[in-house]
Amino acid sequence: MQDNTHILNEIEAKLLDLPYDDIARKCNFTKRLSGKITPLSWIKAFCCLASGHSTSLRNCAWLLGLLNQTVLSKQAVRKRLISQGSEFLKQVLAHLISQSAHLPKLRSNGVLAKFNRVLIQDSTVIQLPKRLADTYKGCSNQSPEIVALMRIQAVLDILSETFVHFSLSAYTRNDQAASADIIEIAKTGDLLIRDLGYYVIKVLASFSDKGISFISRLKPAAIISDPESGNEIDLLALLRKMIRLDQPVILGRKFTMPVRLVAIPLPESVANERRRKARLRRDKRNDYSETYYALLGWQILITNVDQDLLSAKDLSDIYALRWQIEIVFKTWKSFLGFEKISQNASAIQVEALIYARLIYAVLFHIVFWRVLQPGLESKKRQPTSLLKAIDIISNLSSLLIARAFENTHHDVVMAAFYKHTAYDRRKRQNYMDIRCCLG
């Protein structure tokens, strides 16, 4: 408990360092500082609720009342949500990210140190109440069932173990549509790692123009040509003649760009597992050819990084780091409650909760996860698991609530308790009405 309390103090200190009053005024969350709901209490309340099982307006009003030493109604919370409550949390998140950009790297040697930042981009999808389908449209298929899905785009810098960017959208804005967004985020000297969902040749070409390095898998059925002859290359035929491949090629047909292509054979067990998964997702849109299945026996990467900077093995090892962001998404859903959404929640309420959960995730990486990383080079202890770490720390929200209880006058606690636990006024009798009548 003592260690948890120390971490809790660090998190609260980070919140106190934020210019939350200025942010609140700029986005019109507050027009005066004497209101019943203060900007800091709003942040704390939503962060407390972030990993909780219930994120209703009632619970939010109850917790905000404790933090502000008063009794608040659900209507007061809803009114503040409508008046830029979600936008305020979004701006707080943006400020936290900008602050973390100045944190030092946690690694200063090895091949990764050749880059200013090593950015991993990916997205995760969260199911929302069906009634939000107009705002967050889900996948469109042959099924008539209405689905509401939110897609969260995330960019993680693994050199500093900090997040660089987040964005929320409907599921229908897929990774390919978001492919060019990173151009405004990545800088000269950065290395970008992304999967096939973001594969757009024109975007890849823009990285080279801006001095941004990238590593990507080669899209199936992509056209590649010999740089000297201009003749199209039969990749499978070429690979069957070689142990591994590392050579320059021209990517594309109408729009072309030079890239370095690296192909490394995979263990047979790994190749067979990839083929098994491909057959499971096979449908009319993915009627894979025999060539496609054969190429699954290779790890095929494209990059604009020269051989003298990164070897073929370096590229393979670095691309494997992309899995870290999948682990991050798993922690969000398993331990930070990202999929716990009330069926009665409005779109603005959902957005506020997601931004609060992202604030919680950013604070975890800044305050706790970074602290564990300097010992990675030490052989004295086992490396720390992100999944196990977030499992241990996820109970901090309950400590925040406990602290709110400790600092709140008893009369306020009881008044808020009575207000938010009372039966709704209805014509029919409730249990206690009947119980009182029966003596």
Protein backbone atom coordinates (compact mmCIF):
# COMPACT_ATOMS: atom_id res chain seq x y z
CA MET A 1 0.00 0.00 0.00
CA GLN A 2 2.91 2.33 0.77
CA ASP A 3 4.33 1.87 -2.77
CA ASN A 4 0.89 2.45 -4.27
CA THR A 5 0.46 5.61 -2.20
CA HIS A 6 3.81 6.92 -3.46
CA ILE A 7 2.73 6.32 -7.07
CA LEU A 8 -0.64 7.93 -6.29
CA ASN A 9 1.16 11.01 -4.97
CA GLU A 10 3.24 11.18 -8.15
CA ILE A 11 0.13 10.98 -10.32
CA GLU A 12 -1.61 13.71 -8.33
CA ALA A 13 1.54 15.84 -8.56
CA LYS A 14 1.46 15.54 -12.35
CA LEU A 15 -2.17 16.62 -12.36
CA LEU A 16 -1.37 19.60 -10.14
CA ASP A 17 1.40 20.67 -12.54
CA LEU A 18 -1.11 21.06 -15.33
CA PRO A 19 -2.37 24.58 -16.16
CA TYR A 20 -5.89 23.14 -15.89
CA ASP A 21 -7.54 26.48 -15.07
CA ASP A 22 -6.09 28.09 -18.20
CA ILE A 23 -7.08 25.08 -20.33
CA ALA A 24 -10.60 25.19 -18.87
CA ARG A 25 -11.04 28.86 -19.72
CA LYS A 26 -9.64 28.53 -23.25
CA CYS A 27 -12.10 25.78 -24.16
CA ASN A 28 -15.00 27.51 -22.29
CA PHE A 29 -15.33 24.71 -19.75
CA THR A 30 -15.42 27.33 -16.98
CA LYS A 31 -16.10 31.03 -17.20
CA ARG A 32 -15.41 31.61 -13.51
CA LEU A 33 -13.38 29.69 -10.92
CA SER A 34 -16.00 29.89 -8.16
CA GLY A 35 -18.32 27.26 -9.64
CA LYS A 36 -19.32 24.08 -7.82
CA ILE A 37 -17.28 21.93 -10.20
CA THR A 38 -13.61 22.86 -10.46
CA PRO A 39 -11.44 21.84 -13.45
CA LEU A 40 -9.09 19.77 -11.26
CA SER A 41 -11.95 17.88 -9.63
CA TRP A 42 -13.39 17.15 -13.10
CA ILE A 43 -10.11 15.57 -14.18
CA LYS A 44 -9.76 13.59 -10.95
CA ALA A 45 -13.34 12.35 -10.99
CA PHE A 46 -13.17 11.03 -14.55
CA CYS A 47 -9.76 9.47 -13.93
CA CYS A 48 -11.18 7.74 -10.85
CA LEU A 49 -14.07 6.42 -12.91
CA ALA A 50 -11.77 5.43 -15.76
CA SER A 51 -11.20 1.82 -14.71
CA GLY A 52 -14.42 1.43 -12.73
CA HIS A 53 -17.26 -0.95 -13.51
CA SER A 54 -19.88 1.80 -13.42
CA THR A 55 -19.39 5.11 -15.22
CA SER A 56 -22.89 6.52 -14.85
CA LEU A 57 -23.71 10.18 -14.35
CA ARG A 58 -24.87 9.28 -10.86
CA ASN A 59 -21.46 7.94 -9.88
CA CYS A 60 -19.78 10.91 -11.49
CA ALA A 61 -22.00 13.35 -9.59
CA TRP A 62 -21.37 11.48 -6.34
CA LEU A 63 -17.58 11.58 -6.77
CA LEU A 64 -17.49 15.18 -7.96
CA GLY A 65 -19.49 16.16 -4.91
CA LEU A 66 -16.96 14.52 -2.60
CA LEU A 67 -14.04 16.18 -4.35
CA ASN A 68 -15.73 19.61 -4.22
CA GLN A 69 -17.10 19.27 -0.66
CA THR A 70 -20.67 19.68 -1.86
CA VAL A 71 -23.68 17.77 -3.18
CA LEU A 72 -24.19 17.73 -6.94
CA SER A 73 -27.01 16.47 -9.13
CA LYS A 74 -26.75 14.32 -12.27
CA GLN A 75 -28.23 17.23 -14.18
CA ALA A 76 -25.32 19.48 -13.13
CA VAL A 77 -22.82 16.94 -14.44
CA ARG A 78 -24.74 16.48 -17.69
CA LYS A 79 -24.88 20.25 -18.20
CA ARG A 80 -21.13 20.55 -17.72
CA LEU A 81 -20.53 17.65 -20.11
CA ILE A 82 -22.51 19.43 -22.80
CA SER A 83 -20.62 22.67 -22.14
CA GLN A 84 -17.18 21.49 -23.29
CA GLY A 85 -16.62 18.86 -20.57
CA SER A 86 -15.30 16.35 -23.10
CA GLU A 87 -13.27 18.97 -24.98
CA PHE A 88 -11.63 20.03 -21.72
CA LEU A 89 -10.41 16.47 -21.05
CA LYS A 90 -9.23 16.24 -24.67
CA GLN A 91 -7.14 19.39 -24.24
CA VAL A 92 -5.75 18.13 -20.91
CA LEU A 93 -4.69 14.94 -22.69
CA ALA A 94 -3.02 16.96 -25.46
CA HIS A 95 -1.14 19.03 -22.87
CA LEU A 96 0.10 15.90 -21.08
CA ILE A 97 1.35 14.50 -24.38
CA SER A 98 3.16 17.76 -25.22
CA GLN A 99 4.80 17.69 -21.78
CA SER A 100 5.98 14.12 -22.23
CA ALA A 101 7.62 15.08 -25.54
CA HIS A 102 10.37 16.75 -23.50
CA LEU A 103 11.15 13.65 -21.45
CA PRO A 104 14.56 12.08 -22.19
CA LYS A 105 15.07 8.81 -24.02
CA LEU A 106 15.36 5.71 -21.87
CA ARG A 107 17.80 4.06 -24.29
CA SER A 108 21.02 5.61 -25.51
CA ASN A 109 22.80 2.74 -27.24
CA GLY A 110 22.16 0.00 -29.79
CA VAL A 111 20.64 0.32 -33.25
CA LEU A 112 17.53 2.16 -31.99
CA ALA A 113 19.71 5.02 -30.75
CA LYS A 114 20.37 5.93 -34.40
CA PHE A 115 16.91 7.51 -34.51
CA ASN A 116 15.39 10.48 -32.67
CA ARG A 117 12.18 8.55 -31.98
CA VAL A 118 10.93 5.08 -32.84
CA LEU A 119 7.18 5.46 -33.40
CA ILE A 120 4.72 2.57 -33.48
CA GLN A 121 1.27 3.40 -34.83
CA ASP A 122 -1.81 1.21 -34.65
CA SER A 123 -5.50 1.39 -33.82
CA THR A 124 -7.89 -0.47 -31.58
CA VAL A 125 -11.69 -0.73 -31.76
CA ILE A 126 -14.21 -0.40 -28.91
CA GLN A 127 -17.84 -1.43 -29.12
CA LEU A 128 -20.35 1.21 -28.06
CA PRO A 129 -24.10 1.17 -27.35
CA LYS A 130 -26.07 0.56 -30.57
CA ARG A 131 -27.92 3.85 -30.27
CA LEU A 132 -24.64 5.69 -30.99
CA ALA A 133 -24.32 4.08 -34.43
CA ASP A 134 -25.13 7.37 -36.20
CA THR A 135 -22.11 9.04 -34.58
CA TYR A 136 -19.80 6.01 -34.46
CA LYS A 137 -20.80 3.87 -37.40
CA GLY A 138 -19.71 0.24 -37.23
CA CYS A 139 -18.74 -2.17 -39.97
CA SER A 140 -21.16 -2.50 -42.85
CA ASN A 141 -21.71 -6.09 -43.93
CA GLN A 142 -24.56 -8.35 -45.01
CA SER A 143 -25.92 -8.53 -41.47
CA PRO A 144 -28.81 -6.11 -40.76
CA GLU A 145 -27.68 -5.73 -37.13
CA ILE A 146 -26.81 -2.18 -36.12
CA VAL A 147 -23.31 -1.86 -34.64
CA ALA A 148 -21.61 1.18 -33.09
CA LEU A 149 -17.81 1.08 -32.99
CA MET A 150 -15.16 3.64 -32.03
CA ARG A 151 -11.63 3.45 -33.43
CA ILE A 152 -8.76 4.86 -31.36
CA GLN A 153 -5.57 5.70 -33.26
CA ALA A 154 -2.46 5.68 -31.06
CA VAL A 155 1.21 6.48 -31.64
CA LEU A 156 3.77 5.24 -29.09
CA ASP A 157 7.45 6.26 -28.92
CA ILE A 158 9.28 3.21 -27.58
CA LEU A 159 12.53 5.13 -26.97
CA SER A 160 10.96 7.34 -24.30
CA GLU A 161 8.04 4.98 -23.47
CA THR A 162 5.56 7.80 -23.97
CA PHE A 163 2.52 8.37 -26.17
CA VAL A 164 2.84 10.90 -28.99
CA HIS A 165 -0.68 11.12 -30.38
CA PHE A 166 -4.29 9.90 -30.03
CA SER A 167 -7.38 10.41 -32.16
CA LEU A 168 -10.96 9.11 -31.95
CA SER A 169 -13.15 8.32 -34.95
CA ALA A 170 -15.87 6.02 -36.21
CA TYR A 171 -14.79 2.50 -37.15
CA THR A 172 -15.45 3.29 -40.80
CA ARG A 173 -12.45 5.64 -40.91
CA ASN A 174 -10.02 2.78 -41.23
CA ASP A 175 -6.22 2.70 -40.89
CA GLN A 176 -5.69 3.34 -44.58
CA ALA A 177 -7.77 6.52 -44.37
CA ALA A 178 -5.68 7.58 -41.35
CA SER A 179 -2.38 6.68 -43.04
CA ALA A 180 -1.40 10.27 -43.88
CA ASP A 181 -2.22 11.65 -40.40
CA ILE A 182 1.23 10.66 -39.15
CA ILE A 183 2.90 13.13 -41.55
CA GLU A 184 1.92 15.96 -39.18
CA ILE A 185 3.37 14.05 -36.20
CA ALA A 186 6.56 12.33 -37.38
CA LYS A 187 9.73 14.42 -37.83
CA THR A 188 13.04 14.15 -39.63
CA GLY A 189 15.17 11.49 -37.93
CA ASP A 190 12.20 9.42 -36.67
CA LEU A 191 11.66 5.75 -37.48
CA LEU A 192 8.04 4.70 -38.07
CA ILE A 193 6.76 1.12 -37.71
CA ARG A 194 3.26 0.27 -38.98
CA ASP A 195 1.37 -2.77 -40.24
CA LEU A 196 -0.29 -3.37 -43.61
CA GLY A 197 -3.46 -1.50 -42.67
CA TYR A 198 -1.62 1.81 -43.26
CA TYR A 199 -0.04 0.74 -46.56
CA VAL A 200 -0.35 3.65 -49.04
CA ILE A 201 2.54 4.10 -51.50
CA LYS A 202 2.12 7.88 -51.82
CA VAL A 203 2.28 8.24 -48.03
CA LEU A 204 5.40 6.04 -47.87
CA ALA A 205 7.00 8.24 -50.52
CA SER A 206 6.23 11.37 -48.49
CA PHE A 207 8.18 9.90 -45.55
CA SER A 208 11.33 9.71 -47.65
CA ASP A 209 10.78 13.31 -48.83
CA LYS A 210 10.61 14.49 -45.20
CA GLY A 211 13.56 12.44 -43.92
CA ILE A 212 11.34 10.02 -41.98
CA SER A 213 12.44 6.37 -41.94
CA PHE A 214 9.88 3.57 -42.06
CA ILE A 215 9.59 -0.21 -41.86
CA SER A 216 6.49 -1.89 -43.25
CA ARG A 217 5.42 -5.29 -44.48
CA LEU A 218 5.00 -5.65 -48.22
CA LYS A 219 1.40 -5.72 -49.32
CA PRO A 220 0.30 -9.03 -50.89
CA ALA A 221 0.18 -8.84 -54.70
CA ALA A 222 2.21 -5.62 -54.65
CA ILE A 223 4.00 -4.83 -57.91
CA ILE A 224 7.81 -4.68 -57.61
CA SER A 225 10.28 -4.09 -60.42
CA ASP A 226 14.02 -4.25 -61.01
CA PRO A 227 15.55 -0.73 -60.66
CA GLU A 228 17.91 -1.24 -63.60
CA SER A 229 15.86 -3.13 -66.20
CA GLY A 230 12.42 -1.96 -65.09
CA ASN A 231 11.14 -5.52 -65.51
CA GLU A 232 8.51 -6.77 -63.05
CA ILE A 233 9.90 -9.22 -60.48
CA ASP A 234 8.26 -12.57 -59.72
CA LEU A 235 8.97 -12.47 -56.00
CA LEU A 236 8.10 -16.09 -55.20
CA ALA A 237 10.25 -17.41 -58.05
CA LEU A 238 13.13 -15.22 -56.88
CA LEU A 239 12.82 -16.33 -53.25
CA ARG A 240 12.83 -20.02 -54.18
CA LYS A 241 16.34 -19.53 -55.58
CA MET A 242 17.73 -17.76 -52.50
CA ILE A 243 18.17 -18.32 -48.76
CA ARG A 244 17.23 -14.70 -48.01
CA LEU A 245 16.79 -11.47 -49.94
CA ASP A 246 18.02 -7.92 -49.33
CA GLN A 247 18.01 -5.68 -52.41
CA PRO A 248 16.63 -2.40 -53.83
CA VAL A 249 13.40 -2.58 -55.87
CA ILE A 250 10.88 -0.20 -57.41
CA LEU A 251 7.51 -0.37 -55.67
CA GLY A 252 4.23 0.23 -57.55
CA ARG A 253 3.14 0.61 -61.15
CA LYS A 254 1.31 3.91 -61.74
CA PHE A 255 2.89 5.66 -58.75
CA THR A 256 6.36 4.30 -58.05
CA MET A 257 9.04 4.72 -55.40
CA PRO A 258 12.38 3.07 -54.67
CA VAL A 259 12.52 0.91 -51.52
CA ARG A 260 14.75 -1.71 -49.98
CA LEU A 261 13.11 -5.13 -49.86
CA VAL A 262 14.13 -7.69 -47.23
CA ALA A 263 12.78 -11.26 -47.12
CA ILE A 264 13.72 -13.70 -44.36
CA PRO A 265 12.40 -17.30 -44.22
CA LEU A 266 10.22 -18.15 -41.22
CA PRO A 267 10.28 -21.39 -39.22
CA GLU A 268 7.87 -23.91 -40.70
CA SER A 269 5.68 -23.91 -37.55
CA VAL A 270 5.28 -20.11 -37.75
CA ALA A 271 4.57 -20.22 -41.50
CA ASN A 272 1.91 -22.93 -41.04
CA GLU A 273 0.23 -20.93 -38.28
CA ARG A 274 0.08 -17.85 -40.53
CA ARG A 275 -1.48 -19.96 -43.30
CA ARG A 276 -4.01 -21.46 -40.89
CA LYS A 277 -5.14 -17.99 -39.78
CA ALA A 278 -5.33 -16.80 -43.39
CA ARG A 279 -7.65 -19.70 -44.31
CA LEU A 280 -9.92 -18.89 -41.35
CA ARG A 281 -10.47 -15.31 -42.53
CA ARG A 282 -10.85 -16.32 -46.17
CA ASP A 283 -14.01 -15.02 -47.86
CA LYS A 284 -15.08 -13.60 -51.21
CA ARG A 285 -13.00 -10.49 -50.62
CA ASN A 286 -9.93 -12.51 -49.58
CA ASP A 287 -9.80 -15.37 -52.09
CA TYR A 288 -6.10 -15.92 -51.55
CA SER A 289 -3.98 -17.53 -54.27
CA GLU A 290 -1.48 -20.35 -53.83
CA THR A 291 1.27 -17.77 -54.34
CA TYR A 292 -0.06 -15.80 -51.37
CA TYR A 293 0.03 -18.86 -49.11
CA ALA A 294 3.54 -19.72 -50.28
CA LEU A 295 4.82 -16.19 -49.51
CA LEU A 296 3.47 -16.51 -45.95
CA GLY A 297 6.54 -18.64 -45.31
CA TRP A 298 8.64 -15.47 -45.43
CA GLN A 299 8.84 -12.25 -43.45
CA ILE A 300 8.82 -9.66 -46.24
CA LEU A 301 9.60 -6.07 -45.28
CA ILE A 302 10.12 -2.84 -47.17
CA THR A 303 12.04 0.16 -45.85
CA ASN A 304 13.85 3.33 -46.88
CA VAL A 305 16.69 2.65 -44.41
CA ASP A 306 20.07 1.84 -45.99
CA GLN A 307 21.92 -1.42 -45.32
CA ASP A 308 24.83 0.42 -43.67
CA LEU A 309 22.43 1.78 -41.03
CA LEU A 310 20.32 -1.31 -40.31
CA SER A 311 21.02 -4.91 -41.33
CA ALA A 312 18.30 -7.29 -42.49
CA LYS A 313 18.28 -8.90 -39.03
CA ASP A 314 18.01 -5.44 -37.40
CA LEU A 315 14.96 -4.68 -39.53
CA SER A 316 13.31 -7.98 -38.58
CA ASP A 317 14.05 -7.52 -34.87
CA ILE A 318 12.83 -3.92 -34.85
CA TYR A 319 9.62 -4.74 -36.69
CA ALA A 320 8.87 -7.37 -34.03
CA LEU A 321 8.68 -4.50 -31.51
CA ARG A 322 5.41 -3.46 -33.16
CA TRP A 323 3.71 -6.07 -31.02
CA GLN A 324 4.22 -3.83 -27.97
CA ILE A 325 1.34 -1.57 -28.97
CA GLU A 326 -0.92 -4.64 -29.19
CA ILE A 327 0.03 -5.35 -25.57
CA VAL A 328 -0.84 -1.74 -24.71
CA PHE A 329 -4.29 -2.18 -26.23
CA LYS A 330 -4.77 -5.38 -24.26
CA THR A 331 -3.96 -3.54 -21.01
CA TRP A 332 -6.50 -0.86 -21.92
CA LYS A 333 -9.28 -3.37 -22.38
CA SER A 334 -8.37 -5.84 -19.63
CA PHE A 335 -7.34 -3.49 -16.82
CA LEU A 336 -8.29 0.11 -17.63
CA GLY A 337 -11.94 -0.56 -18.46
CA PHE A 338 -11.90 0.82 -22.00
CA GLU A 339 -14.75 -1.49 -23.02
CA LYS A 340 -16.91 -0.71 -19.98
CA ILE A 341 -19.44 1.67 -21.44
CA SER A 342 -22.89 2.27 -19.96
CA GLN A 343 -25.68 1.37 -22.38
CA ASN A 344 -27.36 4.68 -21.55
CA ALA A 345 -24.25 6.80 -22.19
CA SER A 346 -24.46 9.63 -24.71
CA ALA A 347 -21.80 10.20 -27.36
CA ILE A 348 -20.36 13.15 -25.43
CA GLN A 349 -20.27 11.08 -22.23
CA VAL A 350 -18.46 8.24 -24.01
CA GLU A 351 -15.89 10.64 -25.43
CA ALA A 352 -15.23 12.17 -21.99
CA LEU A 353 -14.71 8.73 -20.47
CA ILE A 354 -12.34 7.64 -23.26
CA TYR A 355 -10.28 10.82 -22.96
CA ALA A 356 -10.11 10.30 -19.19
CA ARG A 357 -8.95 6.72 -19.69
CA LEU A 358 -6.29 7.91 -22.11
CA ILE A 359 -5.15 10.48 -19.51
CA TYR A 360 -4.90 7.63 -17.01
CA ALA A 361 -2.89 5.56 -19.52
CA VAL A 362 -0.52 8.46 -20.26
CA LEU A 363 0.02 9.12 -16.55
CA PHE A 364 0.76 5.43 -15.99
CA HIS A 365 3.47 5.49 -18.66
CA ILE A 366 4.99 8.76 -17.44
CA VAL A 367 4.89 8.11 -13.70
CA PHE A 368 5.27 4.36 -13.39
CA TRP A 369 6.20 2.48 -16.56
CA ARG A 370 9.18 4.70 -17.42
CA VAL A 371 10.61 4.15 -13.93
CA LEU A 372 10.86 0.41 -14.59
CA GLN A 373 12.68 0.73 -17.92
CA PRO A 374 16.23 1.86 -16.97
CA GLY A 375 16.82 -1.58 -15.44
CA LEU A 376 16.24 -3.33 -18.77
CA GLU A 377 19.98 -3.66 -19.41
CA SER A 378 20.55 -5.10 -15.93
CA LYS A 379 20.86 -8.86 -15.65
CA LYS A 380 20.11 -8.76 -11.92
CA ARG A 381 16.35 -9.02 -12.37
CA GLN A 382 13.76 -10.21 -14.84
CA PRO A 383 12.23 -7.60 -17.18
CA THR A 384 8.88 -6.18 -16.11
CA SER A 385 5.68 -7.27 -17.88
CA LEU A 386 3.44 -4.38 -18.96
CA LEU A 387 0.35 -6.57 -18.47
CA LYS A 388 1.31 -7.48 -14.91
CA ALA A 389 2.35 -3.91 -14.08
CA ILE A 390 -0.94 -2.34 -15.16
CA ASP A 391 -2.84 -5.08 -13.32
CA ILE A 392 -1.13 -4.07 -10.07
CA ILE A 393 -1.52 -0.32 -10.61
CA SER A 394 -5.11 -0.40 -11.89
CA ASN A 395 -6.40 -0.30 -8.30
CA LEU A 396 -5.12 3.26 -7.88
CA SER A 397 -8.51 4.63 -8.90
CA SER A 398 -10.02 3.08 -5.76
CA LEU A 399 -7.29 4.76 -3.68
CA LEU A 400 -8.17 8.11 -5.24
CA ILE A 401 -11.79 7.60 -4.25
CA ALA A 402 -10.76 6.54 -0.73
CA ARG A 403 -8.71 9.73 -0.41
CA ALA A 404 -11.73 11.77 -1.50
CA PHE A 405 -13.71 10.14 1.34
CA GLU A 406 -11.00 10.95 3.87
CA ASN A 407 -10.91 14.62 2.92
CA THR A 408 -14.67 15.20 2.81
CA HIS A 409 -16.79 16.27 5.78
CA HIS A 410 -19.08 13.54 7.10
CA ASP A 411 -22.27 15.58 6.60
CA VAL A 412 -21.42 16.16 2.92
CA VAL A 413 -20.66 12.46 2.42
CA MET A 414 -24.00 11.42 3.93
CA ALA A 415 -25.99 14.11 2.09
CA ALA A 416 -24.48 13.02 -1.23
CA PHE A 417 -25.03 9.37 -0.32
CA TYR A 418 -28.73 9.92 0.42
CA LYS A 419 -29.22 11.97 -2.75
CA HIS A 420 -27.71 9.42 -5.12
CA THR A 421 -29.04 6.24 -3.49
CA ALA A 422 -32.66 7.33 -3.10
CA TYR A 423 -35.40 5.59 -5.10
CA ASP A 424 -36.70 7.54 -8.08
CA ARG A 425 -40.10 9.13 -7.49
CA ARG A 426 -42.72 6.84 -9.06
CA LYS A 427 -46.41 6.15 -8.60
CA ARG A 428 -45.87 2.47 -7.86
CA GLN A 429 -44.58 1.51 -4.44
CA ASN A 430 -40.98 0.50 -4.01
CA TYR A 431 -39.63 -2.14 -1.64
CA MET A 432 -39.14 0.26 1.27
CA ASP A 433 -42.67 1.72 0.86
CA ILE A 434 -44.15 -1.76 1.15
CA ARG A 435 -41.78 -2.71 3.96
CA CYS A 436 -42.79 0.38 6.01
CA CYS A 437 -46.49 -0.36 5.49
CA LEU A 438 -46.04 -3.89 6.73
CA GLY A 439 -44.33 -2.73 9.91
